[in-house]
Amino acid sequence: MRIWGFVLAAMVLASSAVSSPAAMRIADDRGGQIGHYLSVFAELRSSGERVIIDGNCLSACTLVLGMIPRSRMCATGRARLGFHAAWLPNRDGSPVTSNAGTRALWKIYPRSVRRWINRHGGLSRRMIYMQGRDLYAFVPSCSRTREIQARSRTRYAPPRYQGANAASYR
């Protein structure tokens, strides 16, 4: 009987073991409504998950820079962020710049990102892109992140970037 008690205790302990946090992969995200992205990224921030930017992250998707801690993000060589002013459709469905939406974006971006945007023409109807070295100034490279973690003497096991532990987000 005592053996079954130990087996049951071992099963309970094994089932409650904490696995490494999953990673959300952002690839080919064209953006959308600001409120939706605020909600998604707020939930992601509190979950402890890492974010991998692995392709286009455009429009409202760029809010990731102000919502997720830098230490929990990385960007691959394919990562590209696209910024523009917020807009709403008018009665005909044509885009009309939303000053309130653009101000909301502006407040959420970190100051360093706002300076980069200003140096590249500011938020307007025209999309401006951040990638490569410019992007790595704000978001660490995923390959560099893995290299640093591999040299680390801690017992931390980073989440896998592919496979069952990585969630796709499009």
C-alpha atoms as a PDB file:
ATOM      1  CA  MET A   1       0.000   0.000   0.000  1.00  0.00           C
ATOM      2  CA  ARG A   2       2.803   2.427   0.831  1.00  0.00           C
ATOM      3  CA  ILE A   3       4.299   1.878  -2.632  1.00  0.00           C
ATOM      4  CA  TRP A   4       1.075   3.076  -4.261  1.00  0.00           C
ATOM      5  CA  GLY A   5       1.226   6.205  -2.107  1.00  0.00           C
ATOM      6  CA  PHE A   6       4.752   6.912  -3.360  1.00  0.00           C
ATOM      7  CA  VAL A   7       3.710   6.217  -6.958  1.00  0.00           C
ATOM      8  CA  LEU A   8       0.729   8.551  -6.623  1.00  0.00           C
ATOM      9  CA  ALA A   9       2.907  11.272  -5.065  1.00  0.00           C
ATOM     10  CA  ALA A  10       5.477  10.896  -7.866  1.00  0.00           C
ATOM     11  CA  MET A  11       2.734  11.166 -10.488  1.00  0.00           C
ATOM     12  CA  VAL A  12       1.352  14.328  -8.906  1.00  0.00           C
ATOM     13  CA  LEU A  13       4.826  15.888  -8.741  1.00  0.00           C
ATOM     14  CA  ALA A  14       5.568  14.941 -12.347  1.00  0.00           C
ATOM     15  CA  SER A  15       2.288  16.369 -13.601  1.00  0.00           C
ATOM     16  CA  SER A  16       2.888  19.657 -11.810  1.00  0.00           C
ATOM     17  CA  ALA A  17       6.416  20.130 -13.146  1.00  0.00           C
ATOM     18  CA  VAL A  18       6.764  23.453 -14.885  1.00  0.00           C
ATOM     19  CA  SER A  19       7.920  23.257 -18.470  1.00  0.00           C
ATOM     20  CA  SER A  20       9.781  26.070 -20.129  1.00  0.00           C
ATOM     21  CA  PRO A  21       7.487  28.801 -21.412  1.00  0.00           C
ATOM     22  CA  ALA A  22       6.330  28.451 -24.982  1.00  0.00           C
ATOM     23  CA  ALA A  23       7.393  30.883 -27.651  1.00  0.00           C
ATOM     24  CA  MET A  24       5.073  32.869 -29.879  1.00  0.00           C
ATOM     25  CA  ARG A  25       6.366  33.201 -33.434  1.00  0.00           C
ATOM     26  CA  ILE A  26       5.239  36.274 -35.370  1.00  0.00           C
ATOM     27  CA  ALA A  27       5.478  35.759 -39.112  1.00  0.00           C
ATOM     28  CA  ASP A  28       3.701  37.586 -41.910  1.00  0.00           C
ATOM     29  CA  ASP A  29       1.461  39.624 -39.610  1.00  0.00           C
ATOM     30  CA  ARG A  30      -0.135  42.487 -41.565  1.00  0.00           C
ATOM     31  CA  GLY A  31      -1.584  44.179 -38.486  1.00  0.00           C
ATOM     32  CA  GLY A  32      -5.143  45.180 -37.705  1.00  0.00           C
ATOM     33  CA  GLN A  33      -7.085  46.984 -35.017  1.00  0.00           C
ATOM     34  CA  ILE A  34      -4.965  48.467 -32.247  1.00  0.00           C
ATOM     35  CA  GLY A  35      -7.307  47.282 -29.471  1.00  0.00           C
ATOM     36  CA  HIS A  36      -6.990  43.653 -30.541  1.00  0.00           C
ATOM     37  CA  TYR A  37      -3.177  43.821 -30.468  1.00  0.00           C
ATOM     38  CA  LEU A  38      -3.168  45.565 -27.082  1.00  0.00           C
ATOM     39  CA  SER A  39      -5.250  42.719 -25.692  1.00  0.00           C
ATOM     40  CA  VAL A  40      -3.166  39.946 -27.273  1.00  0.00           C
ATOM     41  CA  PHE A  41       0.168  41.457 -26.241  1.00  0.00           C
ATOM     42  CA  ALA A  42      -1.019  42.238 -22.689  1.00  0.00           C
ATOM     43  CA  GLU A  43      -2.018  38.599 -22.261  1.00  0.00           C
ATOM     44  CA  LEU A  44       1.267  37.466 -23.781  1.00  0.00           C
ATOM     45  CA  ARG A  45       3.241  39.772 -21.484  1.00  0.00           C
ATOM     46  CA  SER A  46       1.619  38.303 -18.385  1.00  0.00           C
ATOM     47  CA  SER A  47       2.059  34.717 -19.646  1.00  0.00           C
ATOM     48  CA  GLY A  48       5.841  34.871 -19.551  1.00  0.00           C
ATOM     49  CA  GLU A  49       6.122  33.557 -23.116  1.00  0.00           C
ATOM     50  CA  ARG A  50       8.948  34.609 -25.396  1.00  0.00           C
ATOM     51  CA  VAL A  51       8.289  36.289 -28.744  1.00  0.00           C
ATOM     52  CA  ILE A  52      10.163  35.431 -31.923  1.00  0.00           C
ATOM     53  CA  ILE A  53       9.760  37.897 -34.778  1.00  0.00           C
ATOM     54  CA  ASP A  54      10.366  35.817 -37.890  1.00  0.00           C
ATOM     55  CA  GLY A  55       9.002  37.749 -40.854  1.00  0.00           C
ATOM     56  CA  ASN A  56       6.785  40.779 -41.347  1.00  0.00           C
ATOM     57  CA  CYS A  57       5.271  42.418 -38.288  1.00  0.00           C
ATOM     58  CA  LEU A  58       3.405  45.387 -39.727  1.00  0.00           C
ATOM     59  CA  SER A  59       1.139  48.135 -38.499  1.00  0.00           C
ATOM     60  CA  ALA A  60      -0.433  47.384 -35.079  1.00  0.00           C
ATOM     61  CA  CYS A  61       1.766  44.295 -34.745  1.00  0.00           C
ATOM     62  CA  THR A  62       4.669  46.671 -34.043  1.00  0.00           C
ATOM     63  CA  LEU A  63       3.089  47.390 -30.653  1.00  0.00           C
ATOM     64  CA  VAL A  64       5.003  44.296 -29.549  1.00  0.00           C
ATOM     65  CA  LEU A  65       7.988  46.637 -29.050  1.00  0.00           C
ATOM     66  CA  GLY A  66       6.196  48.549 -26.309  1.00  0.00           C
ATOM     67  CA  MET A  67       4.234  45.695 -24.774  1.00  0.00           C
ATOM     68  CA  ILE A  68       6.738  42.830 -24.393  1.00  0.00           C
ATOM     69  CA  PRO A  69       9.987  43.185 -22.417  1.00  0.00           C
ATOM     70  CA  ARG A  70      13.060  43.257 -24.669  1.00  0.00           C
ATOM     71  CA  SER A  71      14.554  40.395 -22.671  1.00  0.00           C
ATOM     72  CA  ARG A  72      11.729  38.116 -23.869  1.00  0.00           C
ATOM     73  CA  MET A  73      11.967  38.931 -27.583  1.00  0.00           C
ATOM     74  CA  CYS A  74      14.281  38.104 -30.406  1.00  0.00           C
ATOM     75  CA  ALA A  75      14.282  38.662 -34.155  1.00  0.00           C
ATOM     76  CA  THR A  76      15.470  36.355 -36.917  1.00  0.00           C
ATOM     77  CA  GLY A  77      17.232  37.505 -40.064  1.00  0.00           C
ATOM     78  CA  ARG A  78      13.846  37.523 -41.835  1.00  0.00           C
ATOM     79  CA  ALA A  79      12.230  39.897 -39.331  1.00  0.00           C
ATOM     80  CA  ARG A  80      10.896  43.221 -40.580  1.00  0.00           C
ATOM     81  CA  LEU A  81       8.714  45.749 -38.755  1.00  0.00           C
ATOM     82  CA  GLY A  82       6.543  48.209 -40.659  1.00  0.00           C
ATOM     83  CA  PHE A  83       5.261  51.441 -39.119  1.00  0.00           C
ATOM     84  CA  HIS A  84       2.612  53.887 -40.340  1.00  0.00           C
ATOM     85  CA  ALA A  85      -0.035  56.190 -38.902  1.00  0.00           C
ATOM     86  CA  ALA A  86      -3.230  54.593 -37.631  1.00  0.00           C
ATOM     87  CA  TRP A  87      -6.273  54.875 -39.860  1.00  0.00           C
ATOM     88  CA  LEU A  88      -9.965  54.107 -40.018  1.00  0.00           C
ATOM     89  CA  PRO A  89     -12.120  53.504 -43.090  1.00  0.00           C
ATOM     90  CA  ASN A  90     -14.459  56.329 -44.095  1.00  0.00           C
ATOM     91  CA  ARG A  91     -17.988  55.746 -45.465  1.00  0.00           C
ATOM     92  CA  ASP A  92     -16.552  54.689 -48.826  1.00  0.00           C
ATOM     93  CA  GLY A  93     -14.058  52.334 -47.178  1.00  0.00           C
ATOM     94  CA  SER A  94     -11.085  54.564 -48.005  1.00  0.00           C
ATOM     95  CA  PRO A  95      -8.482  54.996 -45.254  1.00  0.00           C
ATOM     96  CA  VAL A  96      -8.558  58.185 -43.203  1.00  0.00           C
ATOM     97  CA  THR A  97      -5.757  58.904 -40.740  1.00  0.00           C
ATOM     98  CA  SER A  98      -6.839  58.539 -37.119  1.00  0.00           C
ATOM     99  CA  ASN A  99      -5.076  61.106 -34.961  1.00  0.00           C
ATOM    100  CA  ALA A 100      -6.286  59.423 -31.763  1.00  0.00           C
ATOM    101  CA  GLY A 101      -5.085  56.016 -32.944  1.00  0.00           C
ATOM    102  CA  THR A 102      -1.729  57.410 -34.022  1.00  0.00           C
ATOM    103  CA  ARG A 103      -1.296  59.102 -30.621  1.00  0.00           C
ATOM    104  CA  ALA A 104      -2.083  55.766 -28.929  1.00  0.00           C
ATOM    105  CA  LEU A 105       0.580  54.004 -30.994  1.00  0.00           C
ATOM    106  CA  TRP A 106       3.060  56.755 -30.227  1.00  0.00           C
ATOM    107  CA  LYS A 107       2.521  56.522 -26.466  1.00  0.00           C
ATOM    108  CA  ILE A 108       3.105  52.768 -26.441  1.00  0.00           C
ATOM    109  CA  TYR A 109       6.319  52.730 -28.472  1.00  0.00           C
ATOM    110  CA  PRO A 110       9.500  53.043 -26.400  1.00  0.00           C
ATOM    111  CA  ARG A 111      11.202  56.448 -26.641  1.00  0.00           C
ATOM    112  CA  SER A 112      14.118  54.988 -28.630  1.00  0.00           C
ATOM    113  CA  VAL A 113      11.701  53.558 -31.221  1.00  0.00           C
ATOM    114  CA  ARG A 114       9.916  56.915 -31.470  1.00  0.00           C
ATOM    115  CA  ARG A 115      13.264  58.588 -32.176  1.00  0.00           C
ATOM    116  CA  TRP A 116      13.977  56.023 -34.926  1.00  0.00           C
ATOM    117  CA  ILE A 117      10.538  56.633 -36.448  1.00  0.00           C
ATOM    118  CA  ASN A 118      11.101  60.401 -36.412  1.00  0.00           C
ATOM    119  CA  ARG A 119      14.505  60.002 -38.108  1.00  0.00           C
ATOM    120  CA  HIS A 120      12.773  58.020 -40.870  1.00  0.00           C
ATOM    121  CA  GLY A 121       9.963  60.447 -41.614  1.00  0.00           C
ATOM    122  CA  GLY A 122       7.515  59.929 -38.743  1.00  0.00           C
ATOM    123  CA  LEU A 123       4.191  58.119 -38.741  1.00  0.00           C
ATOM    124  CA  SER A 124       2.283  58.879 -41.921  1.00  0.00           C
ATOM    125  CA  ARG A 125       0.278  56.959 -44.512  1.00  0.00           C
ATOM    126  CA  ARG A 126       3.582  55.739 -45.949  1.00  0.00           C
ATOM    127  CA  MET A 127       4.976  52.533 -44.408  1.00  0.00           C
ATOM    128  CA  ILE A 128       8.526  52.750 -43.075  1.00  0.00           C
ATOM    129  CA  TYR A 129      10.436  49.538 -42.427  1.00  0.00           C
ATOM    130  CA  MET A 130      12.857  48.562 -39.682  1.00  0.00           C
ATOM    131  CA  GLN A 131      14.995  45.494 -40.253  1.00  0.00           C
ATOM    132  CA  GLY A 132      18.530  44.174 -39.927  1.00  0.00           C
ATOM    133  CA  ARG A 133      20.907  46.273 -37.829  1.00  0.00           C
ATOM    134  CA  ASP A 134      18.272  48.902 -37.126  1.00  0.00           C
ATOM    135  CA  LEU A 135      15.943  46.237 -35.739  1.00  0.00           C
ATOM    136  CA  TYR A 136      18.686  44.525 -33.719  1.00  0.00           C
ATOM    137  CA  ALA A 137      19.261  47.823 -31.903  1.00  0.00           C
ATOM    138  CA  PHE A 138      15.807  47.308 -30.335  1.00  0.00           C
ATOM    139  CA  VAL A 139      15.265  43.535 -30.462  1.00  0.00           C
ATOM    140  CA  PRO A 140      18.110  41.053 -29.918  1.00  0.00           C
ATOM    141  CA  SER A 141      18.971  38.653 -32.712  1.00  0.00           C
ATOM    142  CA  CYS A 142      17.636  35.153 -32.054  1.00  0.00           C
ATOM    143  CA  SER A 143      20.967  33.621 -33.098  1.00  0.00           C
ATOM    144  CA  ARG A 144      22.839  35.950 -30.736  1.00  0.00           C
ATOM    145  CA  THR A 145      20.379  35.162 -27.942  1.00  0.00           C
ATOM    146  CA  ARG A 146      20.965  31.406 -28.367  1.00  0.00           C
ATOM    147  CA  GLU A 147      24.749  31.963 -28.428  1.00  0.00           C
ATOM    148  CA  ILE A 148      24.654  33.915 -25.154  1.00  0.00           C
ATOM    149  CA  GLN A 149      22.403  31.322 -23.529  1.00  0.00           C
ATOM    150  CA  ALA A 150      24.656  28.483 -24.690  1.00  0.00           C
ATOM    151  CA  ARG A 151      27.662  30.135 -23.003  1.00  0.00           C
ATOM    152  CA  SER A 152      25.712  30.821 -19.835  1.00  0.00           C
ATOM    153  CA  ARG A 153      26.473  28.715 -16.787  1.00  0.00           C
ATOM    154  CA  THR A 154      22.902  28.841 -15.563  1.00  0.00           C
ATOM    155  CA  ARG A 155      20.634  25.830 -15.823  1.00  0.00           C
ATOM    156  CA  TYR A 156      18.044  27.757 -17.818  1.00  0.00           C
ATOM    157  CA  ALA A 157      16.859  25.855 -20.881  1.00  0.00           C
ATOM    158  CA  PRO A 158      15.587  28.284 -23.535  1.00  0.00           C
ATOM    159  CA  PRO A 159      12.346  27.401 -25.304  1.00  0.00           C
ATOM    160  CA  ARG A 160      12.738  25.675 -28.641  1.00  0.00           C
ATOM    161  CA  TYR A 161      12.203  27.912 -31.617  1.00  0.00           C
ATOM    162  CA  GLN A 162      10.538  25.218 -33.677  1.00  0.00           C
ATOM    163  CA  GLY A 163       8.431  22.210 -32.929  1.00  0.00           C
ATOM    164  CA  ALA A 164       5.808  21.530 -30.319  1.00  0.00           C
ATOM    165  CA  ASN A 165       6.992  24.241 -27.945  1.00  0.00           C
ATOM    166  CA  ALA A 166       6.593  27.097 -30.440  1.00  0.00           C
ATOM    167  CA  ALA A 167       3.207  28.599 -31.151  1.00  0.00           C
ATOM    168  CA  SER A 168       2.543  30.297 -34.470  1.00  0.00           C
ATOM    169  CA  TYR A 169       0.859  33.654 -34.551  1.00  0.00           C
ATOM    170  CA  ARG A 170      -0.303  35.163 -37.790  1.00  0.00           C
END
